[in-house]
């Protein structure tokens, strides 16, 4: 039960920060989405970049195998986004992961702007994927924020020195990573299977 209670205790103790991080995550995504709507060339540029780096072709090749697709999504979200974009920068420079995540979030908002009616329909089920995955990243952002705060101000956690405060911050990241990983697993499974089994029938139903 401690595995379940402890992360929620950390969230309850930092509700104001948690709310602000929600605003950061969803707000930066909304900024990117609005920019994409306002400047279609940005969307075209992102689409071309995904073509050039092989991401688009990889997604297409995996659509017929939802379990492998889900595993790939999970690997990308946990390693590239969770570890490399949020946590690793924060382990080196206090709060840096919040800035690198904000850049990613704005870019993702631009990337997800639909350019066809089919794309707008696909965004309906994909919106749930976005909510689930952003909640996972918000938990990691909270861990990164707490690490930075304890690192800069050890007295905030009652630590005797910065090293002890840093270790306490790492412990908080560890606890918050547990529900974050669970959400990323759920999000990866939902994204993979919804794209294969839900998006096309929904497009047929709404667009005829």
Foldseek 3Di string as FASTA:
>chain_A
DCLPPVLVVLCVVVVVLLVVLVCLLVVLLVLLLVVLVVDVVLQVVLVVVCVVVVNVVVLVVCLVPLVVQLVVQLCCLCPVLLPVQAPPVLLVPQLNSSVSSSVVSSSVSNNLHDDDPLSVLLVVLCVVLVVLLSSLSSLLSSLSNQLNVCQVPVVVVPDPHNVRSNVVSVVSNVSSNVVSSVSSSVSSSSVSVCVNPPSVVSCVVPVD
